[in-house]
Amino acid sequence: MNSHDSHSHDTTPPIILGIDLGTTNSLVAIYDATGPRCLPDSLGRNLLPSVVRLSSITGELEAIGSEARTHAVEHPTSTVYSIKR
């Protein structure tokens, strides 16, 4: 039996990921064997502000959502928001 045949009997339903990227807010949801559900942030909120802050030195991701929005005034050149406007 080859590896392709061993996977053809897998009855685990697929997990489907949905992302709603809004100008003001975004959310992420999955659909799995238990049904659809939103994925909350670390504080339990489903709706995330559509804000991202990158390091002004390395360009790496530093914060997303509420945390990035809270510090946007302190880091205006490394914070991205309202990207679709």
PDB file of N, CA and C in Angstrom:
ATOM      1  N   MET A   1       0.850  -1.173   0.000  1.00  0.00           N
ATOM      2  CA  MET A   1       0.000   0.000   0.000  1.00  0.00           C
ATOM      3  C   MET A   1       0.899   1.241   0.000  1.00  0.00           C
ATOM      4  N   ASN A   2       0.646   2.191  -0.874  1.00  0.00           N
ATOM      5  CA  ASN A   2       1.459   3.404  -0.878  1.00  0.00           C
ATOM      6  C   ASN A   2       0.829   4.462   0.025  1.00  0.00           C
ATOM      7  N   SER A   3       1.545   5.567   0.231  1.00  0.00           N
ATOM      8  CA  SER A   3       1.071   6.592   1.159  1.00  0.00           C
ATOM      9  C   SER A   3      -0.222   7.237   0.677  1.00  0.00           C
ATOM     10  N   HIS A   4      -0.421   7.315  -0.639  1.00  0.00           N
ATOM     11  CA  HIS A   4      -1.658   7.900  -1.167  1.00  0.00           C
ATOM     12  C   HIS A   4      -2.868   7.059  -0.754  1.00  0.00           C
ATOM     13  N   ASP A   5      -2.721   5.740  -0.829  1.00  0.00           N
ATOM     14  CA  ASP A   5      -3.819   4.854  -0.449  1.00  0.00           C
ATOM     15  C   ASP A   5      -4.164   4.970   1.027  1.00  0.00           C
ATOM     16  N   SER A   6      -3.171   5.165   1.873  1.00  0.00           N
ATOM     17  CA  SER A   6      -3.431   5.247   3.308  1.00  0.00           C
ATOM     18  C   SER A   6      -4.228   6.498   3.657  1.00  0.00           C
ATOM     19  N   HIS A   7      -4.091   7.561   2.879  1.00  0.00           N
ATOM     20  CA  HIS A   7      -4.830   8.793   3.150  1.00  0.00           C
ATOM     21  C   HIS A   7      -6.240   8.760   2.566  1.00  0.00           C
ATOM     22  N   SER A   8      -6.492   7.887   1.631  1.00  0.00           N
ATOM     23  CA  SER A   8      -7.804   7.860   0.992  1.00  0.00           C
ATOM     24  C   SER A   8      -8.890   7.336   1.930  1.00  0.00           C
ATOM     25  N   HIS A   9      -8.531   6.730   3.043  1.00  0.00           N
ATOM     26  CA  HIS A   9      -9.505   6.188   3.985  1.00  0.00           C
ATOM     27  C   HIS A   9      -9.701   7.094   5.196  1.00  0.00           C
ATOM     28  N   ASP A  10      -9.087   8.248   5.189  1.00  0.00           N
ATOM     29  CA  ASP A  10      -9.216   9.191   6.296  1.00  0.00           C
ATOM     30  C   ASP A  10     -10.632   9.764   6.296  1.00  0.00           C
ATOM     31  N   THR A  11     -11.358   9.575   7.388  1.00  0.00           N
ATOM     32  CA  THR A  11     -12.731  10.064   7.474  1.00  0.00           C
ATOM     33  C   THR A  11     -12.842  11.360   8.264  1.00  0.00           C
ATOM     34  N   THR A  12     -11.721  11.922   8.663  1.00  0.00           N
ATOM     35  CA  THR A  12     -11.734  13.187   9.383  1.00  0.00           C
ATOM     36  C   THR A  12     -12.187  14.294   8.441  1.00  0.00           C
ATOM     37  N   PRO A  13     -13.245  15.029   8.812  1.00  0.00           N
ATOM     38  CA  PRO A  13     -13.686  16.105   7.924  1.00  0.00           C
ATOM     39  C   PRO A  13     -12.644  17.225   7.883  1.00  0.00           C
ATOM     40  N   PRO A  14     -12.562  17.922   6.779  1.00  0.00           N
ATOM     41  CA  PRO A  14     -11.577  19.000   6.676  1.00  0.00           C
ATOM     42  C   PRO A  14     -11.952  20.172   7.573  1.00  0.00           C
ATOM     43  N   ILE A  15     -10.971  20.944   7.945  1.00  0.00           N
ATOM     44  CA  ILE A  15     -11.199  22.189   8.676  1.00  0.00           C
ATOM     45  C   ILE A  15     -11.118  23.308   7.649  1.00  0.00           C
ATOM     46  N   ILE A  16     -12.155  24.129   7.607  1.00  0.00           N
ATOM     47  CA  ILE A  16     -12.220  25.230   6.654  1.00  0.00           C
ATOM     48  C   ILE A  16     -12.001  26.527   7.416  1.00  0.00           C
ATOM     49  N   LEU A  17     -11.107  27.357   6.910  1.00  0.00           N
ATOM     50  CA  LEU A  17     -10.769  28.635   7.535  1.00  0.00           C
ATOM     51  C   LEU A  17     -11.389  29.765   6.738  1.00  0.00           C
ATOM     52  N   GLY A  18     -12.018  30.699   7.437  1.00  0.00           N
ATOM     53  CA  GLY A  18     -12.581  31.882   6.796  1.00  0.00           C
ATOM     54  C   GLY A  18     -12.025  33.128   7.454  1.00  0.00           C
ATOM     55  N   ILE A  19     -11.624  34.096   6.649  1.00  0.00           N
ATOM     56  CA  ILE A  19     -11.082  35.351   7.166  1.00  0.00           C
ATOM     57  C   ILE A  19     -11.859  36.500   6.540  1.00  0.00           C
ATOM     58  N   ASP A  20     -12.412  37.360   7.372  1.00  0.00           N
ATOM     59  CA  ASP A  20     -13.102  38.558   6.909  1.00  0.00           C
ATOM     60  C   ASP A  20     -12.202  39.741   7.222  1.00  0.00           C
ATOM     61  N   LEU A  21     -11.531  40.257   6.202  1.00  0.00           N
ATOM     62  CA  LEU A  21     -10.644  41.406   6.379  1.00  0.00           C
ATOM     63  C   LEU A  21     -11.428  42.675   6.086  1.00  0.00           C
ATOM     64  N   GLY A  22     -11.864  43.325   7.138  1.00  0.00           N
ATOM     65  CA  GLY A  22     -12.619  44.559   6.981  1.00  0.00           C
ATOM     66  C   GLY A  22     -11.722  45.771   7.140  1.00  0.00           C
ATOM     67  N   THR A  23     -12.182  46.905   6.671  1.00  0.00           N
ATOM     68  CA  THR A  23     -11.416  48.139   6.796  1.00  0.00           C
ATOM     69  C   THR A  23     -11.251  48.531   8.259  1.00  0.00           C
ATOM     70  N   THR A  24     -12.303  48.367   9.047  1.00  0.00           N
ATOM     71  CA  THR A  24     -12.276  48.755  10.454  1.00  0.00           C
ATOM     72  C   THR A  24     -11.998  47.574  11.372  1.00  0.00           C
ATOM     73  N   ASN A  25     -12.668  46.469  11.140  1.00  0.00           N
ATOM     74  CA  ASN A  25     -12.511  45.275  11.976  1.00  0.00           C
ATOM     75  C   ASN A  25     -12.393  44.029  11.107  1.00  0.00           C
ATOM     76  N   SER A  26     -11.800  42.996  11.671  1.00  0.00           N
ATOM     77  CA  SER A  26     -11.643  41.716  10.987  1.00  0.00           C
ATOM     78  C   SER A  26     -12.004  40.598  11.951  1.00  0.00           C
ATOM     79  N   LEU A  27     -12.284  39.420  11.386  1.00  0.00           N
ATOM     80  CA  LEU A  27     -12.471  38.250  12.236  1.00  0.00           C
ATOM     81  C   LEU A  27     -12.052  37.008  11.480  1.00  0.00           C
ATOM     82  N   VAL A  28     -11.749  35.975  12.261  1.00  0.00           N
ATOM     83  CA  VAL A  28     -11.321  34.694  11.713  1.00  0.00           C
ATOM     84  C   VAL A  28     -12.268  33.634  12.259  1.00  0.00           C
ATOM     85  N   ALA A  29     -12.707  32.737  11.384  1.00  0.00           N
ATOM     86  CA  ALA A  29     -13.605  31.666  11.802  1.00  0.00           C
ATOM     87  C   ALA A  29     -13.154  30.359  11.164  1.00  0.00           C
ATOM     88  N   ILE A  30     -13.535  29.269  11.809  1.00  0.00           N
ATOM     89  CA  ILE A  30     -13.285  27.952  11.224  1.00  0.00           C
ATOM     90  C   ILE A  30     -14.593  27.176  11.194  1.00  0.00           C
ATOM     91  N   TYR A  31     -14.635  26.218  10.297  1.00  0.00           N
ATOM     92  CA  TYR A  31     -15.734  25.263  10.241  1.00  0.00           C
ATOM     93  C   TYR A  31     -15.092  23.890  10.322  1.00  0.00           C
ATOM     94  N   ASP A  32     -15.425  23.149  11.381  1.00  0.00           N
ATOM     95  CA  ASP A  32     -14.863  21.810  11.552  1.00  0.00           C
ATOM     96  C   ASP A  32     -15.977  20.829  11.898  1.00  0.00           C
ATOM     97  N   ALA A  33     -15.628  19.698  12.426  1.00  0.00           N
ATOM     98  CA  ALA A  33     -16.612  18.657  12.741  1.00  0.00           C
ATOM     99  C   ALA A  33     -17.668  19.127  13.736  1.00  0.00           C
ATOM    100  N   THR A  34     -17.352  20.125  14.550  1.00  0.00           N
ATOM    101  CA  THR A  34     -18.308  20.633  15.533  1.00  0.00           C
ATOM    102  C   THR A  34     -19.174  21.751  14.985  1.00  0.00           C
ATOM    103  N   GLY A  35     -18.869  22.246  13.785  1.00  0.00           N
ATOM    104  CA  GLY A  35     -19.627  23.333  13.183  1.00  0.00           C
ATOM    105  C   GLY A  35     -18.792  24.597  13.082  1.00  0.00           C
ATOM    106  N   PRO A  36     -19.427  25.721  12.731  1.00  0.00           N
ATOM    107  CA  PRO A  36     -18.686  26.974  12.578  1.00  0.00           C
ATOM    108  C   PRO A  36     -18.449  27.652  13.925  1.00  0.00           C
ATOM    109  N   ARG A  37     -17.315  28.330  14.033  1.00  0.00           N
ATOM    110  CA  ARG A  37     -17.048  29.132  15.237  1.00  0.00           C
ATOM    111  C   ARG A  37     -15.979  30.167  14.933  1.00  0.00           C
ATOM    112  N   CYS A  38     -16.114  31.313  15.579  1.00  0.00           N
ATOM    113  CA  CYS A  38     -15.115  32.373  15.458  1.00  0.00           C
ATOM    114  C   CYS A  38     -13.953  32.057  16.384  1.00  0.00           C
ATOM    115  N   LEU A  39     -12.770  32.469  15.975  1.00  0.00           N
ATOM    116  CA  LEU A  39     -11.581  32.286  16.808  1.00  0.00           C
ATOM    117  C   LEU A  39     -11.286  33.603  17.516  1.00  0.00           C
ATOM    118  N   PRO A  40     -11.356  33.619  18.833  1.00  0.00           N
ATOM    119  CA  PRO A  40     -11.123  34.858  19.577  1.00  0.00           C
ATOM    120  C   PRO A  40      -9.636  35.173  19.724  1.00  0.00           C
ATOM    121  N   ASP A  41      -9.368  36.438  20.052  1.00  0.00           N
ATOM    122  CA  ASP A  41      -7.989  36.817  20.357  1.00  0.00           C
ATOM    123  C   ASP A  41      -7.650  36.369  21.777  1.00  0.00           C
ATOM    124  N   SER A  42      -6.495  36.758  22.271  1.00  0.00           N
ATOM    125  CA  SER A  42      -6.047  36.308  23.595  1.00  0.00           C
ATOM    126  C   SER A  42      -6.917  36.841  24.734  1.00  0.00           C
ATOM    127  N   LEU A  43      -7.730  37.871  24.453  1.00  0.00           N
ATOM    128  CA  LEU A  43      -8.623  38.419  25.469  1.00  0.00           C
ATOM    129  C   LEU A  43     -10.059  37.927  25.296  1.00  0.00           C
ATOM    130  N   GLY A  44     -10.280  37.000  24.364  1.00  0.00           N
ATOM    131  CA  GLY A  44     -11.597  36.420  24.170  1.00  0.00           C
ATOM    132  C   GLY A  44     -12.517  37.177  23.232  1.00  0.00           C
ATOM    133  N   ARG A  45     -12.011  38.195  22.552  1.00  0.00           N
ATOM    134  CA  ARG A  45     -12.837  38.984  21.634  1.00  0.00           C
ATOM    135  C   ARG A  45     -12.781  38.388  20.230  1.00  0.00           C
ATOM    136  N   ASN A  46     -13.946  38.246  19.607  1.00  0.00           N
ATOM    137  CA  ASN A  46     -14.007  37.703  18.250  1.00  0.00           C
ATOM    138  C   ASN A  46     -13.679  38.749  17.189  1.00  0.00           C
ATOM    139  N   LEU A  47     -14.100  39.972  17.411  1.00  0.00           N
ATOM    140  CA  LEU A  47     -13.902  41.044  16.440  1.00  0.00           C
ATOM    141  C   LEU A  47     -12.596  41.768  16.744  1.00  0.00           C
ATOM    142  N   LEU A  48     -11.697  41.784  15.771  1.00  0.00           N
ATOM    143  CA  LEU A  48     -10.384  42.402  15.957  1.00  0.00           C
ATOM    144  C   LEU A  48     -10.287  43.690  15.154  1.00  0.00           C
ATOM    145  N   PRO A  49      -9.795  44.768  15.748  1.00  0.00           N
ATOM    146  CA  PRO A  49      -9.533  45.954  14.943  1.00  0.00           C
ATOM    147  C   PRO A  49      -8.535  45.604  13.833  1.00  0.00           C
ATOM    148  N   SER A  50      -8.759  46.108  12.645  1.00  0.00           N
ATOM    149  CA  SER A  50      -7.883  45.826  11.498  1.00  0.00           C
ATOM    150  C   SER A  50      -6.665  46.745  11.548  1.00  0.00           C
ATOM    151  N   VAL A  51      -5.806  46.478  12.510  1.00  0.00           N
ATOM    152  CA  VAL A  51      -4.611  47.291  12.739  1.00  0.00           C
ATOM    153  C   VAL A  51      -3.428  46.357  12.979  1.00  0.00           C
ATOM    154  N   VAL A  52      -2.294  46.690  12.375  1.00  0.00           N
ATOM    155  CA  VAL A  52      -1.065  45.910  12.529  1.00  0.00           C
ATOM    156  C   VAL A  52       0.077  46.874  12.801  1.00  0.00           C
ATOM    157  N   ARG A  53       0.935  46.527  13.758  1.00  0.00           N
ATOM    158  CA  ARG A  53       2.137  47.326  14.024  1.00  0.00           C
ATOM    159  C   ARG A  53       3.357  46.469  13.752  1.00  0.00           C
ATOM    160  N   LEU A  54       4.265  47.012  12.952  1.00  0.00           N
ATOM    161  CA  LEU A  54       5.507  46.329  12.615  1.00  0.00           C
ATOM    162  C   LEU A  54       6.668  47.017  13.306  1.00  0.00           C
ATOM    163  N   SER A  55       7.733  46.289  13.539  1.00  0.00           N
ATOM    164  CA  SER A  55       8.938  46.870  14.120  1.00  0.00           C
ATOM    165  C   SER A  55       9.522  47.866  13.134  1.00  0.00           C
ATOM    166  N   SER A  56       9.834  49.057  13.603  1.00  0.00           N
ATOM    167  CA  SER A  56      10.439  50.064  12.725  1.00  0.00           C
ATOM    168  C   SER A  56      11.883  49.710  12.392  1.00  0.00           C
ATOM    169  N   ILE A  57      12.467  48.764  13.118  1.00  0.00           N
ATOM    170  CA  ILE A  57      13.857  48.356  12.877  1.00  0.00           C
ATOM    171  C   ILE A  57      13.922  47.114  11.998  1.00  0.00           C
ATOM    172  N   THR A  58      13.188  46.062  12.366  1.00  0.00           N
ATOM    173  CA  THR A  58      13.284  44.788  11.643  1.00  0.00           C
ATOM    174  C   THR A  58      12.145  44.551  10.654  1.00  0.00           C
ATOM    175  N   GLY A  59      11.040  45.267  10.811  1.00  0.00           N
ATOM    176  CA  GLY A  59       9.875  45.046   9.966  1.00  0.00           C
ATOM    177  C   GLY A  59       9.040  43.856  10.391  1.00  0.00           C
ATOM    178  N   GLU A  60       9.417  43.213  11.495  1.00  0.00           N
ATOM    179  CA  GLU A  60       8.673  42.048  11.987  1.00  0.00           C
ATOM    180  C   GLU A  60       7.406  42.485  12.716  1.00  0.00           C
ATOM    181  N   LEU A  61       6.429  41.600  12.730  1.00  0.00           N
ATOM    182  CA  LEU A  61       5.160  41.858  13.393  1.00  0.00           C
ATOM    183  C   LEU A  61       5.374  42.044  14.893  1.00  0.00           C
ATOM    184  N   GLU A  62       4.835  43.139  15.430  1.00  0.00           N
ATOM    185  CA  GLU A  62       4.938  43.394  16.873  1.00  0.00           C
ATOM    186  C   GLU A  62       3.593  43.303  17.579  1.00  0.00           C
ATOM    187  N   ALA A  63       2.522  43.738  16.913  1.00  0.00           N
ATOM    188  CA  ALA A  63       1.209  43.721  17.560  1.00  0.00           C
ATOM    189  C   ALA A  63       0.118  43.731  16.498  1.00  0.00           C
ATOM    190  N   ILE A  64      -1.031  43.172  16.874  1.00  0.00           N
ATOM    191  CA  ILE A  64      -2.198  43.200  15.999  1.00  0.00           C
ATOM    192  C   ILE A  64      -3.417  43.604  16.810  1.00  0.00           C
ATOM    193  N   GLY A  65      -4.458  43.987  16.120  1.00  0.00           N
ATOM    194  CA  GLY A  65      -5.735  44.255  16.761  1.00  0.00           C
ATOM    195  C   GLY A  65      -5.709  45.400  17.756  1.00  0.00           C
ATOM    196  N   SER A  66      -6.366  45.182  18.896  1.00  0.00           N
ATOM    197  CA  SER A  66      -6.512  46.226  19.915  1.00  0.00           C
ATOM    198  C   SER A  66      -5.179  46.738  20.424  1.00  0.00           C
ATOM    199  N   GLU A  67      -4.225  45.837  20.623  1.00  0.00           N
ATOM    200  CA  GLU A  67      -2.910  46.260  21.120  1.00  0.00           C
ATOM    201  C   GLU A  67      -2.232  47.201  20.132  1.00  0.00           C
ATOM    202  N   ALA A  68      -2.279  46.883  18.862  1.00  0.00           N
ATOM    203  CA  ALA A  68      -1.668  47.745  17.846  1.00  0.00           C
ATOM    204  C   ALA A  68      -2.392  49.089  17.779  1.00  0.00           C
ATOM    205  N   ARG A  69      -3.722  49.070  17.861  1.00  0.00           N
ATOM    206  CA  ARG A  69      -4.500  50.311  17.808  1.00  0.00           C
ATOM    207  C   ARG A  69      -4.198  51.196  19.012  1.00  0.00           C
ATOM    208  N   THR A  70      -4.060  50.599  20.189  1.00  0.00           N
ATOM    209  CA  THR A  70      -3.779  51.358  21.406  1.00  0.00           C
ATOM    210  C   THR A  70      -2.475  52.143  21.295  1.00  0.00           C
ATOM    211  N   HIS A  71      -1.486  51.572  20.618  1.00  0.00           N
ATOM    212  CA  HIS A  71      -0.172  52.208  20.522  1.00  0.00           C
ATOM    213  C   HIS A  71       0.074  52.907  19.185  1.00  0.00           C
ATOM    214  N   ALA A  72      -0.966  53.076  18.378  1.00  0.00           N
ATOM    215  CA  ALA A  72      -0.807  53.689  17.053  1.00  0.00           C
ATOM    216  C   ALA A  72      -0.297  55.124  17.128  1.00  0.00           C
ATOM    217  N   VAL A  73      -0.712  55.873  18.132  1.00  0.00           N
ATOM    218  CA  VAL A  73      -0.261  57.266  18.269  1.00  0.00           C
ATOM    219  C   VAL A  73       1.226  57.317  18.592  1.00  0.00           C
ATOM    220  N   GLU A  74       1.705  56.364  19.394  1.00  0.00           N
ATOM    221  CA  GLU A  74       3.124  56.311  19.757  1.00  0.00           C
ATOM    222  C   GLU A  74       3.996  55.818  18.606  1.00  0.00           C
ATOM    223  N   HIS A  75       3.428  55.027  17.695  1.00  0.00           N
ATOM    224  CA  HIS A  75       4.184  54.419  16.593  1.00  0.00           C
ATOM    225  C   HIS A  75       3.481  54.666  15.255  1.00  0.00           C
ATOM    226  N   PRO A  76       3.276  55.925  14.877  1.00  0.00           N
ATOM    227  CA  PRO A  76       2.483  56.192  13.668  1.00  0.00           C
ATOM    228  C   PRO A  76       3.122  55.711  12.364  1.00  0.00           C
ATOM    229  N   THR A  77       4.434  55.683  12.286  1.00  0.00           N
ATOM    230  CA  THR A  77       5.082  55.283  11.031  1.00  0.00           C
ATOM    231  C   THR A  77       5.209  53.771  10.873  1.00  0.00           C
ATOM    232  N   SER A  78       4.962  53.026  11.933  1.00  0.00           N
ATOM    233  CA  SER A  78       5.070  51.566  11.833  1.00  0.00           C
ATOM    234  C   SER A  78       3.737  50.863  12.101  1.00  0.00           C
ATOM    235  N   THR A  79       2.638  51.639  12.087  1.00  0.00           N
ATOM    236  CA  THR A  79       1.307  51.083  12.308  1.00  0.00           C
ATOM    237  C   THR A  79       0.476  51.225  11.036  1.00  0.00           C
ATOM    238  N   VAL A  80      -0.154  50.127  10.635  1.00  0.00           N
ATOM    239  CA  VAL A  80      -0.966  50.112   9.418  1.00  0.00           C
ATOM    240  C   VAL A  80      -2.429  49.938   9.812  1.00  0.00           C
ATOM    241  N   TYR A  81      -3.301  50.808   9.286  1.00  0.00           N
ATOM    242  CA  TYR A  81      -4.733  50.717   9.551  1.00  0.00           C
ATOM    243  C   TYR A  81      -5.491  51.362   8.391  1.00  0.00           C
ATOM    244  N   SER A  82      -6.781  51.107   8.302  1.00  0.00           N
ATOM    245  CA  SER A  82      -7.635  51.630   7.219  1.00  0.00           C
ATOM    246  C   SER A  82      -6.982  51.451   5.859  1.00  0.00           C
ATOM    247  N   ILE A  83      -6.428  50.283   5.617  1.00  0.00           N
ATOM    248  CA  ILE A  83      -5.646  50.026   4.413  1.00  0.00           C
ATOM    249  C   ILE A  83      -6.483  50.089   3.140  1.00  0.00           C
ATOM    250  N   LYS A  84      -7.771  49.802   3.219  1.00  0.00           N
ATOM    251  CA  LYS A  84      -8.611  49.786   2.019  1.00  0.00           C
ATOM    252  C   LYS A  84      -9.153  51.167   1.661  1.00  0.00           C
ATOM    253  N   ARG A  85      -8.903  52.149   2.485  1.00  0.00           N
ATOM    254  CA  ARG A  85      -9.442  53.496   2.207  1.00  0.00           C
ATOM    255  C   ARG A  85      -8.482  54.303   1.398  1.00  0.00           C
TER     256      ARG A  85
END
